[in-house]
């Protein structure tokens, strides 16, 4: 079986976990005009990749995937606790919890998930997205590096979908923005892959404030 199929399956927006329902504060940034056109959208997404994802979210997800691939269940449990403690706002916590729950339901119904991974998943009271992603990668025999690529791509694709719904940004403009952001995505991927675990961390105050404000936004398309 082609390994590309498994990778496309994991990164697909059709994966039934509800990622399209969340904007990660971007809708609030549009509402308060911090993001108002393609140039400001590029700046917002580039900052997210460089200052947040590459320094914490991406390397921590990679650590989840590596631990799951190597049957290192104590390390995976430790990463899960770190991920859960790092959700700075109710919106980010609920997003991770809901998507993790959806992945748990999906994985429980799939024959590819082996017994050790299934047992670990059943022990988790509140599985989150990074754990589900790591176990899905294990089940579909996707390498940790490729699983990270799929996660970064799905993040970018979802953020662009948010922009197309909240800005006057058409599909062609979104594709041009993708071309401009791909080098930044690659840099984030490379930085995450070589980052020492002792140096994980970010302080994305703007993101946290946007997410907290979005929880109370009067009119919105995306969930909290």
N, C-alpha and C. Protein backbone atom coordinates (compact mmCIF):
# COMPACT_ATOMS: atom_id res chain seq x y z
N UNK A 1 0.85 -1.19 0.00
CA UNK A 1 0.00 0.00 0.00
C UNK A 1 0.89 1.25 0.00
N UNK A 2 0.50 2.24 -0.78
CA UNK A 2 1.30 3.46 -0.88
C UNK A 2 1.30 4.22 0.45
N UNK A 3 2.48 4.56 0.97
CA UNK A 3 2.51 5.34 2.23
C UNK A 3 1.92 6.73 2.07
N UNK A 4 1.88 7.23 0.83
CA UNK A 4 1.30 8.56 0.60
C UNK A 4 -0.18 8.58 0.94
N UNK A 5 -0.86 7.47 0.76
CA UNK A 5 -2.29 7.44 1.05
C UNK A 5 -2.55 7.67 2.54
N UNK A 6 -1.75 7.02 3.38
CA UNK A 6 -1.92 7.20 4.82
C UNK A 6 -1.64 8.65 5.23
N UNK A 7 -0.61 9.24 4.62
CA UNK A 7 -0.26 10.62 4.95
C UNK A 7 -1.36 11.58 4.52
N UNK A 8 -1.88 11.36 3.32
CA UNK A 8 -2.97 12.20 2.83
C UNK A 8 -4.22 12.03 3.71
N UNK A 9 -4.44 10.82 4.16
CA UNK A 9 -5.59 10.55 5.03
C UNK A 9 -5.48 11.32 6.34
N UNK A 10 -4.29 11.32 6.93
CA UNK A 10 -4.11 12.00 8.21
C UNK A 10 -4.24 13.51 8.06
N UNK A 11 -3.72 14.06 6.96
CA UNK A 11 -3.73 15.51 6.76
C UNK A 11 -5.03 16.02 6.15
N UNK A 12 -5.90 15.13 5.73
CA UNK A 12 -7.10 15.52 5.00
C UNK A 12 -8.07 16.33 5.87
N UNK A 13 -8.67 17.39 5.32
CA UNK A 13 -9.71 18.11 6.06
C UNK A 13 -10.95 17.26 6.29
N UNK A 14 -11.04 16.12 5.59
CA UNK A 14 -12.16 15.21 5.78
C UNK A 14 -11.99 14.31 7.00
N UNK A 15 -10.83 14.35 7.64
CA UNK A 15 -10.65 13.59 8.87
C UNK A 15 -11.69 14.09 9.88
N UNK A 16 -12.53 13.20 10.38
CA UNK A 16 -13.70 13.67 11.17
C UNK A 16 -13.37 14.05 12.60
N UNK A 17 -12.61 15.13 12.75
CA UNK A 17 -12.26 15.59 14.09
C UNK A 17 -12.70 17.03 14.34
N UNK A 18 -13.28 17.68 13.34
CA UNK A 18 -13.84 19.01 13.56
C UNK A 18 -12.85 20.14 13.58
N UNK A 19 -11.67 19.96 12.97
CA UNK A 19 -10.68 21.02 12.97
C UNK A 19 -11.15 22.29 12.29
N UNK A 20 -12.03 22.15 11.31
CA UNK A 20 -12.55 23.30 10.57
C UNK A 20 -13.44 24.19 11.44
N UNK A 21 -13.83 23.72 12.62
CA UNK A 21 -14.74 24.47 13.49
C UNK A 21 -14.04 25.55 14.30
N UNK A 22 -12.72 25.53 14.32
CA UNK A 22 -11.96 26.42 15.20
C UNK A 22 -11.07 27.36 14.39
N UNK A 23 -10.87 28.56 14.92
CA UNK A 23 -10.03 29.54 14.23
C UNK A 23 -8.75 29.84 14.99
N UNK A 24 -8.61 29.36 16.24
CA UNK A 24 -7.45 29.64 17.08
C UNK A 24 -7.18 31.14 17.20
N UNK A 25 -8.21 31.88 17.47
CA UNK A 25 -8.09 33.32 17.69
C UNK A 25 -8.05 34.15 16.43
N UNK A 26 -7.94 33.52 15.26
CA UNK A 26 -7.81 34.29 14.02
C UNK A 26 -9.08 35.07 13.71
N UNK A 27 -10.24 34.49 14.01
CA UNK A 27 -11.48 35.23 13.76
C UNK A 27 -11.54 36.51 14.57
N UNK A 28 -11.03 36.46 15.81
CA UNK A 28 -11.00 37.66 16.63
C UNK A 28 -10.02 38.68 16.06
N UNK A 29 -8.89 38.20 15.54
CA UNK A 29 -7.91 39.10 14.94
C UNK A 29 -8.48 39.80 13.71
N UNK A 30 -9.35 39.11 12.99
CA UNK A 30 -10.03 39.73 11.85
C UNK A 30 -11.05 40.75 12.35
N UNK A 31 -11.78 40.37 13.38
CA UNK A 31 -12.83 41.25 13.90
C UNK A 31 -12.26 42.56 14.42
N UNK A 32 -11.08 42.53 15.05
CA UNK A 32 -10.52 43.78 15.57
C UNK A 32 -9.53 44.42 14.59
N UNK A 33 -9.50 43.91 13.35
CA UNK A 33 -8.74 44.48 12.23
C UNK A 33 -7.23 44.33 12.37
N UNK A 34 -6.76 43.48 13.26
CA UNK A 34 -5.34 43.17 13.26
C UNK A 34 -4.97 42.42 11.98
N UNK A 35 -5.90 41.63 11.50
CA UNK A 35 -5.76 40.95 10.21
C UNK A 35 -6.88 41.48 9.32
N UNK A 36 -6.49 42.14 8.23
CA UNK A 36 -7.50 42.79 7.39
C UNK A 36 -7.26 42.60 5.90
N UNK A 37 -6.12 42.02 5.53
CA UNK A 37 -5.84 41.76 4.12
C UNK A 37 -4.79 40.65 4.04
N UNK A 38 -4.36 40.33 2.83
CA UNK A 38 -3.41 39.23 2.65
C UNK A 38 -2.08 39.50 3.35
N UNK A 39 -1.62 40.74 3.31
CA UNK A 39 -0.32 41.08 3.92
C UNK A 39 -0.36 40.91 5.44
N UNK A 40 -1.43 41.41 6.07
CA UNK A 40 -1.52 41.27 7.52
C UNK A 40 -1.80 39.83 7.92
N UNK A 41 -2.49 39.07 7.07
CA UNK A 41 -2.71 37.64 7.33
C UNK A 41 -1.38 36.89 7.28
N UNK A 42 -0.55 37.22 6.30
CA UNK A 42 0.76 36.59 6.20
C UNK A 42 1.59 36.87 7.44
N UNK A 43 1.54 38.10 7.93
CA UNK A 43 2.31 38.47 9.12
C UNK A 43 1.80 37.69 10.34
N UNK A 44 0.49 37.60 10.51
CA UNK A 44 -0.09 36.88 11.65
C UNK A 44 0.30 35.40 11.61
N UNK A 45 0.15 34.76 10.45
CA UNK A 45 0.44 33.33 10.35
C UNK A 45 1.94 33.06 10.45
N UNK A 46 2.76 33.94 9.90
CA UNK A 46 4.21 33.78 10.01
C UNK A 46 4.66 33.88 11.46
N UNK A 47 4.08 34.83 12.18
CA UNK A 47 4.43 34.97 13.61
C UNK A 47 4.00 33.73 14.38
N UNK A 48 2.84 33.20 14.06
CA UNK A 48 2.38 31.98 14.73
C UNK A 48 3.35 30.83 14.50
N UNK A 49 3.79 30.69 13.26
CA UNK A 49 4.70 29.60 12.93
C UNK A 49 6.05 29.77 13.60
N UNK A 50 6.60 30.97 13.54
CA UNK A 50 7.96 31.19 14.04
C UNK A 50 8.01 31.28 15.57
N UNK A 51 7.04 31.94 16.17
CA UNK A 51 7.12 32.26 17.59
C UNK A 51 6.36 31.29 18.48
N UNK A 52 5.46 30.51 17.92
CA UNK A 52 4.66 29.60 18.73
C UNK A 52 4.83 28.16 18.28
N UNK A 53 4.40 27.85 17.07
CA UNK A 53 4.39 26.46 16.65
C UNK A 53 5.78 25.85 16.61
N UNK A 54 6.75 26.55 16.05
CA UNK A 54 8.08 25.96 15.89
C UNK A 54 8.81 25.81 17.22
N UNK A 55 8.42 26.59 18.23
CA UNK A 55 9.12 26.57 19.51
C UNK A 55 8.47 25.65 20.55
N UNK A 56 7.19 25.35 20.36
CA UNK A 56 6.53 24.53 21.37
C UNK A 56 5.56 23.51 20.79
N UNK A 57 4.52 23.97 20.10
CA UNK A 57 3.48 23.07 19.64
C UNK A 57 4.03 21.97 18.74
N UNK A 58 4.83 22.36 17.76
CA UNK A 58 5.34 21.38 16.79
C UNK A 58 6.35 20.41 17.41
N UNK A 59 7.36 20.88 18.15
CA UNK A 59 8.28 19.91 18.76
C UNK A 59 7.60 19.01 19.78
N UNK A 60 6.60 19.51 20.50
CA UNK A 60 5.90 18.66 21.45
C UNK A 60 5.07 17.61 20.73
N UNK A 61 4.45 17.98 19.62
CA UNK A 61 3.71 16.99 18.84
C UNK A 61 4.66 15.94 18.28
N UNK A 62 5.82 16.37 17.80
CA UNK A 62 6.81 15.42 17.30
C UNK A 62 7.25 14.47 18.39
N UNK A 63 7.41 14.98 19.60
CA UNK A 63 7.79 14.12 20.73
C UNK A 63 6.70 13.09 21.01
N UNK A 64 5.43 13.49 20.93
CA UNK A 64 4.33 12.54 21.06
C UNK A 64 4.46 11.42 20.03
N UNK A 65 4.67 11.82 18.79
CA UNK A 65 4.72 10.84 17.69
C UNK A 65 5.91 9.90 17.84
N UNK A 66 7.04 10.42 18.26
CA UNK A 66 8.23 9.59 18.44
C UNK A 66 8.04 8.59 19.58
N UNK A 67 7.46 9.05 20.68
CA UNK A 67 7.22 8.15 21.81
C UNK A 67 6.24 7.05 21.43
N UNK A 68 5.18 7.40 20.71
CA UNK A 68 4.20 6.39 20.29
C UNK A 68 4.82 5.39 19.33
N UNK A 69 5.65 5.87 18.42
CA UNK A 69 6.28 4.98 17.44
C UNK A 69 7.26 4.03 18.10
N UNK A 70 7.88 4.46 19.19
CA UNK A 70 8.92 3.67 19.85
C UNK A 70 8.41 2.90 21.07
N UNK A 71 7.10 2.82 21.25
CA UNK A 71 6.51 2.10 22.40
C UNK A 71 6.99 2.65 23.74
N UNK A 72 7.30 3.93 23.78
CA UNK A 72 7.76 4.54 25.03
C UNK A 72 6.55 5.16 25.72
N UNK A 73 5.76 4.33 26.38
CA UNK A 73 4.51 4.78 26.96
C UNK A 73 4.70 5.72 28.14
N UNK A 74 5.69 5.53 29.01
CA UNK A 74 5.91 6.53 30.07
C UNK A 74 6.23 7.92 29.51
N UNK A 75 7.06 7.97 28.47
CA UNK A 75 7.38 9.27 27.87
C UNK A 75 6.13 9.88 27.23
N UNK A 76 5.33 9.05 26.59
CA UNK A 76 4.11 9.56 25.96
C UNK A 76 3.16 10.12 27.01
N UNK A 77 3.05 9.44 28.14
CA UNK A 77 2.20 9.95 29.22
C UNK A 77 2.72 11.30 29.72
N UNK A 78 4.03 11.43 29.86
CA UNK A 78 4.62 12.70 30.30
C UNK A 78 4.33 13.82 29.31
N UNK A 79 4.45 13.51 28.02
CA UNK A 79 4.15 14.52 26.99
C UNK A 79 2.68 14.92 27.04
N UNK A 80 1.81 13.96 27.30
CA UNK A 80 0.38 14.26 27.39
C UNK A 80 0.11 15.25 28.52
N UNK A 81 0.73 15.01 29.66
CA UNK A 81 0.54 15.91 30.80
C UNK A 81 1.07 17.30 30.50
N UNK A 82 2.21 17.36 29.82
CA UNK A 82 2.78 18.66 29.45
C UNK A 82 1.86 19.40 28.49
N UNK A 83 1.31 18.66 27.53
CA UNK A 83 0.42 19.28 26.56
C UNK A 83 -0.84 19.80 27.23
N UNK A 84 -1.41 19.00 28.12
CA UNK A 84 -2.64 19.42 28.80
C UNK A 84 -2.40 20.67 29.64
N UNK A 85 -1.28 20.72 30.33
CA UNK A 85 -0.98 21.87 31.19
C UNK A 85 -0.69 23.13 30.39
N UNK A 86 -0.34 22.97 29.13
CA UNK A 86 0.06 24.13 28.32
C UNK A 86 -1.10 24.85 27.66
N UNK A 87 -2.33 24.33 27.79
CA UNK A 87 -3.48 25.01 27.17
C UNK A 87 -3.79 26.25 27.98
N UNK A 88 -3.47 27.40 27.44
CA UNK A 88 -3.50 28.65 28.21
C UNK A 88 -4.89 29.24 28.35
N UNK A 89 -5.79 28.90 27.46
CA UNK A 89 -7.13 29.47 27.50
C UNK A 89 -8.17 28.35 27.43
N UNK A 90 -9.38 28.68 27.85
CA UNK A 90 -10.47 27.70 27.77
C UNK A 90 -10.71 27.28 26.32
N UNK A 91 -10.62 28.23 25.41
CA UNK A 91 -10.86 27.92 24.00
C UNK A 91 -9.85 26.90 23.47
N UNK A 92 -8.56 27.10 23.76
CA UNK A 92 -7.54 26.17 23.27
C UNK A 92 -7.68 24.81 23.95
N UNK A 93 -8.05 24.81 25.22
CA UNK A 93 -8.24 23.53 25.93
C UNK A 93 -9.42 22.77 25.34
N UNK A 94 -10.53 23.45 25.12
CA UNK A 94 -11.71 22.77 24.60
C UNK A 94 -11.49 22.29 23.16
N UNK A 95 -10.76 23.05 22.38
CA UNK A 95 -10.44 22.62 21.01
C UNK A 95 -9.65 21.33 21.03
N UNK A 96 -8.58 21.30 21.82
CA UNK A 96 -7.73 20.11 21.88
C UNK A 96 -8.50 18.92 22.43
N UNK A 97 -9.32 19.16 23.45
CA UNK A 97 -10.09 18.07 24.06
C UNK A 97 -11.12 17.51 23.09
N UNK A 98 -11.84 18.40 22.39
CA UNK A 98 -12.88 17.93 21.48
C UNK A 98 -12.28 17.16 20.31
N UNK A 99 -11.20 17.68 19.74
CA UNK A 99 -10.58 17.01 18.60
C UNK A 99 -9.91 15.71 19.03
N UNK A 100 -9.34 15.70 20.24
CA UNK A 100 -8.77 14.47 20.76
C UNK A 100 -9.83 13.41 21.00
N UNK A 101 -10.99 13.83 21.53
CA UNK A 101 -12.09 12.89 21.74
C UNK A 101 -12.56 12.31 20.41
N UNK A 102 -12.67 13.16 19.38
CA UNK A 102 -13.11 12.68 18.07
C UNK A 102 -12.11 11.70 17.48
N UNK A 103 -10.82 11.97 17.66
CA UNK A 103 -9.80 11.04 17.19
C UNK A 103 -9.86 9.72 17.96
N UNK A 104 -10.14 9.80 19.26
CA UNK A 104 -10.27 8.59 20.05
C UNK A 104 -11.41 7.72 19.52
N UNK A 105 -12.55 8.34 19.22
CA UNK A 105 -13.68 7.58 18.68
C UNK A 105 -13.34 6.96 17.34
N UNK A 106 -12.60 7.69 16.52
CA UNK A 106 -12.19 7.17 15.22
C UNK A 106 -11.25 5.99 15.39
N UNK A 107 -10.24 6.15 16.23
CA UNK A 107 -9.23 5.10 16.39
C UNK A 107 -9.82 3.84 17.02
N UNK A 108 -10.75 4.01 17.93
CA UNK A 108 -11.35 2.84 18.57
C UNK A 108 -12.09 1.96 17.57
N UNK A 109 -12.53 2.54 16.47
CA UNK A 109 -13.26 1.78 15.48
C UNK A 109 -12.40 1.27 14.32
N UNK A 110 -11.09 1.52 14.39
CA UNK A 110 -10.20 1.12 13.30
C UNK A 110 -9.43 -0.14 13.65
N UNK A 111 -9.33 -1.09 12.72
CA UNK A 111 -8.58 -2.31 13.00
C UNK A 111 -7.07 -2.10 13.04
N UNK A 112 -6.56 -0.97 12.49
CA UNK A 112 -5.12 -0.78 12.40
C UNK A 112 -4.46 -0.47 13.75
N UNK A 113 -5.25 0.01 14.70
CA UNK A 113 -4.67 0.36 15.99
C UNK A 113 -4.34 -0.92 16.76
N UNK A 114 -3.06 -1.09 17.13
CA UNK A 114 -2.65 -2.33 17.78
C UNK A 114 -3.01 -2.32 19.27
N UNK A 115 -2.83 -3.47 19.90
CA UNK A 115 -3.27 -3.66 21.29
C UNK A 115 -2.58 -2.72 22.27
N UNK A 116 -1.24 -2.56 22.23
CA UNK A 116 -0.61 -1.64 23.20
C UNK A 116 -1.11 -0.20 23.08
N UNK A 117 -1.25 0.28 21.85
CA UNK A 117 -1.73 1.65 21.65
C UNK A 117 -3.19 1.78 22.09
N UNK A 118 -3.98 0.77 21.79
CA UNK A 118 -5.39 0.79 22.19
C UNK A 118 -5.52 0.81 23.71
N UNK A 119 -4.70 0.01 24.39
CA UNK A 119 -4.74 -0.03 25.85
C UNK A 119 -4.34 1.32 26.44
N UNK A 120 -3.30 1.95 25.88
CA UNK A 120 -2.87 3.26 26.37
C UNK A 120 -3.97 4.29 26.18
N UNK A 121 -4.60 4.27 25.01
CA UNK A 121 -5.66 5.24 24.72
C UNK A 121 -6.83 5.08 25.68
N UNK A 122 -7.18 3.86 26.00
CA UNK A 122 -8.31 3.62 26.89
C UNK A 122 -8.04 4.07 28.32
N UNK A 123 -6.77 4.20 28.67
CA UNK A 123 -6.41 4.65 30.01
C UNK A 123 -6.50 6.16 30.18
N UNK A 124 -6.66 6.88 29.07
CA UNK A 124 -6.66 8.34 29.13
C UNK A 124 -8.07 8.86 29.39
N UNK A 125 -8.21 9.63 30.46
CA UNK A 125 -9.52 10.20 30.79
C UNK A 125 -9.94 11.28 29.81
N UNK A 126 -8.97 12.03 29.34
CA UNK A 126 -9.28 13.16 28.47
C UNK A 126 -8.22 13.27 27.38
N UNK A 127 -8.26 12.39 26.39
CA UNK A 127 -7.24 12.43 25.33
C UNK A 127 -7.32 13.74 24.55
N UNK A 128 -6.16 14.24 24.16
CA UNK A 128 -6.11 15.50 23.44
C UNK A 128 -5.63 15.25 22.01
N UNK A 129 -5.58 16.32 21.24
CA UNK A 129 -5.29 16.19 19.82
C UNK A 129 -3.93 15.60 19.55
N UNK A 130 -2.88 16.07 20.23
CA UNK A 130 -1.53 15.59 19.95
C UNK A 130 -1.42 14.09 20.20
N UNK A 131 -2.05 13.59 21.25
CA UNK A 131 -2.04 12.16 21.52
C UNK A 131 -2.75 11.39 20.42
N UNK A 132 -3.94 11.84 20.06
CA UNK A 132 -4.68 11.16 19.00
C UNK A 132 -3.91 11.16 17.70
N UNK A 133 -3.26 12.27 17.39
CA UNK A 133 -2.48 12.38 16.16
C UNK A 133 -1.33 11.38 16.17
N UNK A 134 -0.66 11.28 17.30
CA UNK A 134 0.48 10.36 17.42
C UNK A 134 0.04 8.90 17.27
N UNK A 135 -1.08 8.56 17.87
CA UNK A 135 -1.56 7.18 17.78
C UNK A 135 -2.11 6.86 16.40
N UNK A 136 -2.70 7.85 15.74
CA UNK A 136 -3.15 7.65 14.36
C UNK A 136 -1.94 7.42 13.45
N UNK A 137 -0.87 8.19 13.67
CA UNK A 137 0.35 8.00 12.87
C UNK A 137 0.94 6.62 13.10
N UNK A 138 0.92 6.15 14.34
CA UNK A 138 1.40 4.80 14.63
C UNK A 138 0.53 3.75 13.93
N UNK A 139 -0.78 3.93 14.03
CA UNK A 139 -1.70 2.95 13.44
C UNK A 139 -1.52 2.86 11.93
N UNK A 140 -1.26 4.00 11.29
CA UNK A 140 -1.16 4.03 9.83
C UNK A 140 0.30 3.99 9.35
N UNK A 141 1.22 3.71 10.29
CA UNK A 141 2.63 3.53 9.98
C UNK A 141 3.23 4.75 9.28
N UNK A 142 2.91 5.88 9.82
CA UNK A 142 3.46 7.14 9.34
C UNK A 142 4.62 7.53 10.25
N UNK A 143 5.75 7.88 9.69
CA UNK A 143 6.90 8.24 10.51
C UNK A 143 6.60 9.51 11.31
N UNK A 144 7.25 9.68 12.47
CA UNK A 144 7.03 10.91 13.25
C UNK A 144 7.27 12.18 12.45
N UNK A 145 8.33 12.19 11.62
CA UNK A 145 8.63 13.39 10.83
C UNK A 145 7.50 13.68 9.85
N UNK A 146 6.98 12.64 9.19
CA UNK A 146 5.88 12.84 8.25
C UNK A 146 4.60 13.24 8.96
N UNK A 147 4.39 12.68 10.16
CA UNK A 147 3.20 13.06 10.93
C UNK A 147 3.26 14.54 11.31
N UNK A 148 4.45 15.03 11.63
CA UNK A 148 4.61 16.46 11.92
C UNK A 148 4.30 17.29 10.69
N UNK A 149 4.80 16.86 9.53
CA UNK A 149 4.50 17.57 8.29
C UNK A 149 2.99 17.65 8.04
N UNK A 150 2.31 16.52 8.26
CA UNK A 150 0.87 16.48 8.04
C UNK A 150 0.15 17.43 8.99
N UNK A 151 0.61 17.48 10.24
CA UNK A 151 -0.03 18.36 11.22
C UNK A 151 0.19 19.83 10.86
N UNK A 152 1.41 20.18 10.48
CA UNK A 152 1.69 21.57 10.09
C UNK A 152 0.87 21.97 8.87
N UNK A 153 0.78 21.07 7.90
CA UNK A 153 0.01 21.37 6.69
C UNK A 153 -1.47 21.54 7.03
N UNK A 154 -2.01 20.67 7.86
CA UNK A 154 -3.43 20.77 8.21
C UNK A 154 -3.70 22.06 8.99
N UNK A 155 -2.73 22.47 9.84
CA UNK A 155 -2.88 23.74 10.55
C UNK A 155 -2.95 24.91 9.57
N UNK A 156 -2.02 24.93 8.62
CA UNK A 156 -2.00 26.03 7.66
C UNK A 156 -3.25 26.03 6.80
N UNK A 157 -3.66 24.87 6.35
CA UNK A 157 -4.84 24.78 5.50
C UNK A 157 -6.09 25.26 6.24
N UNK A 158 -6.19 24.92 7.51
CA UNK A 158 -7.34 25.36 8.29
C UNK A 158 -7.33 26.87 8.50
N UNK A 159 -6.16 27.44 8.77
CA UNK A 159 -6.07 28.88 8.96
C UNK A 159 -6.42 29.63 7.68
N UNK A 160 -6.02 29.10 6.56
CA UNK A 160 -6.38 29.73 5.28
C UNK A 160 -7.88 29.62 5.03
N UNK A 161 -8.48 28.50 5.42
CA UNK A 161 -9.93 28.36 5.28
C UNK A 161 -10.66 29.39 6.15
N UNK A 162 -10.13 29.65 7.34
CA UNK A 162 -10.72 30.69 8.21
C UNK A 162 -10.67 32.04 7.50
N UNK A 163 -9.53 32.35 6.90
CA UNK A 163 -9.38 33.64 6.22
C UNK A 163 -10.35 33.77 5.05
N UNK A 164 -10.55 32.70 4.32
CA UNK A 164 -11.46 32.76 3.17
C UNK A 164 -12.90 32.98 3.61
N UNK A 165 -13.23 32.61 4.85
CA UNK A 165 -14.59 32.79 5.35
C UNK A 165 -14.78 34.13 6.05
N UNK A 166 -13.70 34.74 6.50
CA UNK A 166 -13.83 35.96 7.30
C UNK A 166 -13.30 37.22 6.61
N UNK A 167 -12.49 37.04 5.59
CA UNK A 167 -11.95 38.18 4.84
C UNK A 167 -12.44 38.12 3.39
N UNK A 168 -12.34 39.19 2.67
CA UNK A 168 -12.50 39.10 1.21
C UNK A 168 -11.24 38.50 0.59
N UNK A 169 -11.04 37.21 0.82
CA UNK A 169 -9.86 36.49 0.33
C UNK A 169 -10.35 35.28 -0.45
N UNK A 170 -10.15 35.32 -1.77
CA UNK A 170 -10.61 34.24 -2.62
C UNK A 170 -9.63 33.08 -2.66
N UNK A 171 -9.99 32.05 -3.40
CA UNK A 171 -9.17 30.85 -3.46
C UNK A 171 -7.82 31.09 -4.12
N UNK A 172 -7.80 31.90 -5.17
CA UNK A 172 -6.52 32.18 -5.82
C UNK A 172 -5.60 32.99 -4.91
N UNK A 173 -6.17 33.96 -4.21
CA UNK A 173 -5.37 34.74 -3.25
C UNK A 173 -4.84 33.83 -2.14
N UNK A 174 -5.67 32.88 -1.72
CA UNK A 174 -5.24 31.95 -0.68
C UNK A 174 -4.10 31.07 -1.18
N UNK A 175 -4.13 30.69 -2.44
CA UNK A 175 -3.04 29.89 -3.01
C UNK A 175 -1.76 30.71 -3.12
N UNK A 176 -1.87 31.99 -3.45
CA UNK A 176 -0.68 32.84 -3.48
C UNK A 176 -0.10 32.98 -2.07
N UNK A 177 -0.98 33.12 -1.09
CA UNK A 177 -0.53 33.22 0.29
C UNK A 177 0.13 31.92 0.73
N UNK A 178 -0.39 30.80 0.28
CA UNK A 178 0.24 29.51 0.59
C UNK A 178 1.67 29.47 0.05
N UNK A 179 1.86 29.90 -1.18
CA UNK A 179 3.20 29.91 -1.78
C UNK A 179 4.16 30.77 -0.96
N UNK A 180 3.66 31.89 -0.45
CA UNK A 180 4.51 32.79 0.35
C UNK A 180 4.82 32.20 1.72
N UNK A 181 3.91 31.38 2.25
CA UNK A 181 4.08 30.86 3.61
C UNK A 181 4.80 29.52 3.66
N UNK A 182 4.89 28.81 2.54
CA UNK A 182 5.53 27.50 2.56
C UNK A 182 6.98 27.55 3.05
N UNK A 183 7.79 28.54 2.65
CA UNK A 183 9.15 28.60 3.22
C UNK A 183 9.14 28.78 4.74
N UNK A 184 8.19 29.54 5.26
CA UNK A 184 8.09 29.72 6.72
C UNK A 184 7.67 28.41 7.37
N UNK A 185 6.77 27.69 6.71
CA UNK A 185 6.33 26.39 7.23
C UNK A 185 7.51 25.42 7.29
N UNK A 186 8.35 25.45 6.26
CA UNK A 186 9.53 24.59 6.23
C UNK A 186 10.51 24.96 7.34
N UNK A 187 10.70 26.24 7.54
CA UNK A 187 11.59 26.68 8.63
C UNK A 187 11.06 26.23 9.99
N UNK A 188 9.75 26.34 10.18
CA UNK A 188 9.15 25.91 11.44
C UNK A 188 9.34 24.42 11.64
N UNK A 189 9.19 23.66 10.59
CA UNK A 189 9.36 22.21 10.66
C UNK A 189 10.79 21.86 11.04
N UNK A 190 11.76 22.50 10.40
CA UNK A 190 13.17 22.20 10.66
C UNK A 190 13.57 22.62 12.07
N UNK A 191 13.07 23.77 12.52
CA UNK A 191 13.40 24.23 13.87
C UNK A 191 12.82 23.28 14.90
N UNK A 192 11.58 22.84 14.70
CA UNK A 192 10.94 21.93 15.64
C UNK A 192 11.68 20.61 15.73
N UNK A 193 12.19 20.13 14.60
CA UNK A 193 12.84 18.82 14.55
C UNK A 193 14.17 18.81 15.29
N UNK A 194 14.85 19.94 15.37
CA UNK A 194 16.16 19.96 16.01
C UNK A 194 16.16 20.60 17.39
N UNK A 195 15.01 21.05 17.87
CA UNK A 195 14.95 21.76 19.14
C UNK A 195 15.15 20.80 20.31
N UNK A 196 16.04 21.17 21.22
CA UNK A 196 16.27 20.38 22.43
C UNK A 196 15.02 20.44 23.32
N UNK A 197 14.58 19.29 23.86
CA UNK A 197 13.38 19.29 24.71
C UNK A 197 13.45 20.27 25.88
N UNK A 198 14.64 20.54 26.38
CA UNK A 198 14.78 21.48 27.49
C UNK A 198 14.49 22.92 27.07
N UNK A 199 14.42 23.15 25.76
CA UNK A 199 14.20 24.50 25.26
C UNK A 199 12.80 24.68 24.70
N UNK A 200 11.92 23.70 24.89
CA UNK A 200 10.53 23.87 24.45
C UNK A 200 9.92 25.06 25.21
N UNK A 201 9.17 25.87 24.50
CA UNK A 201 8.46 26.95 25.17
C UNK A 201 8.21 28.13 24.26
N UNK A 202 7.09 28.78 24.49
CA UNK A 202 6.77 30.00 23.76
C UNK A 202 5.92 30.87 24.67
N UNK A 203 5.78 32.11 24.30
CA UNK A 203 4.96 33.04 25.08
C UNK A 203 4.11 33.84 24.09
N UNK A 204 3.14 33.14 23.52
CA UNK A 204 2.30 33.75 22.47
C UNK A 204 1.16 34.52 23.11
N UNK A 205 1.50 35.67 23.71
CA UNK A 205 0.50 36.45 24.44
C UNK A 205 -0.61 36.94 23.51
N UNK A 206 -0.24 37.36 22.31
CA UNK A 206 -1.25 37.84 21.38
C UNK A 206 -2.26 36.78 21.03
N UNK A 207 -1.78 35.54 20.83
CA UNK A 207 -2.68 34.43 20.55
C UNK A 207 -3.60 34.17 21.73
N UNK A 208 -3.05 34.14 22.94
CA UNK A 208 -3.86 33.88 24.12
C UNK A 208 -4.94 34.94 24.31
N UNK A 209 -4.56 36.21 24.13
CA UNK A 209 -5.53 37.28 24.27
C UNK A 209 -6.61 37.20 23.21
N UNK A 210 -6.22 36.86 21.98
CA UNK A 210 -7.20 36.72 20.90
C UNK A 210 -8.17 35.59 21.19
N UNK A 211 -7.65 34.48 21.71
CA UNK A 211 -8.52 33.34 22.03
C UNK A 211 -9.47 33.68 23.17
N UNK A 212 -8.98 34.37 24.19
CA UNK A 212 -9.85 34.74 25.31
C UNK A 212 -10.93 35.71 24.85
N UNK A 213 -10.57 36.66 24.00
CA UNK A 213 -11.56 37.61 23.48
C UNK A 213 -12.56 36.89 22.58
N UNK A 214 -12.09 35.91 21.84
CA UNK A 214 -12.98 35.19 20.92
C UNK A 214 -14.04 34.41 21.68
N UNK A 215 -13.73 33.98 22.89
CA UNK A 215 -14.72 33.26 23.71
C UNK A 215 -15.96 34.12 23.97
N UNK A 216 -15.79 35.44 23.94
CA UNK A 216 -16.89 36.36 24.23
C UNK A 216 -17.32 37.17 23.02
N UNK A 217 -16.78 36.84 21.86
CA UNK A 217 -17.12 37.58 20.65
C UNK A 217 -18.62 37.41 20.34
N UNK A 218 -19.30 38.51 20.11
CA UNK A 218 -20.76 38.45 19.99
C UNK A 218 -21.20 37.66 18.76
N UNK A 219 -20.67 37.99 17.62
CA UNK A 219 -21.06 37.34 16.38
C UNK A 219 -19.83 36.63 15.80
N UNK A 220 -19.94 35.33 15.55
CA UNK A 220 -18.78 34.57 15.09
C UNK A 220 -19.21 33.35 14.30
N UNK A 221 -18.29 32.84 13.51
CA UNK A 221 -18.53 31.64 12.72
C UNK A 221 -17.93 30.41 13.38
N UNK A 222 -16.89 30.60 14.20
CA UNK A 222 -16.10 29.49 14.71
C UNK A 222 -16.32 29.27 16.19
N UNK A 223 -16.06 28.07 16.63
CA UNK A 223 -16.36 27.64 17.99
C UNK A 223 -15.31 28.11 18.99
N UNK A 224 -15.72 28.15 20.25
CA UNK A 224 -14.80 28.33 21.36
C UNK A 224 -14.70 27.00 22.09
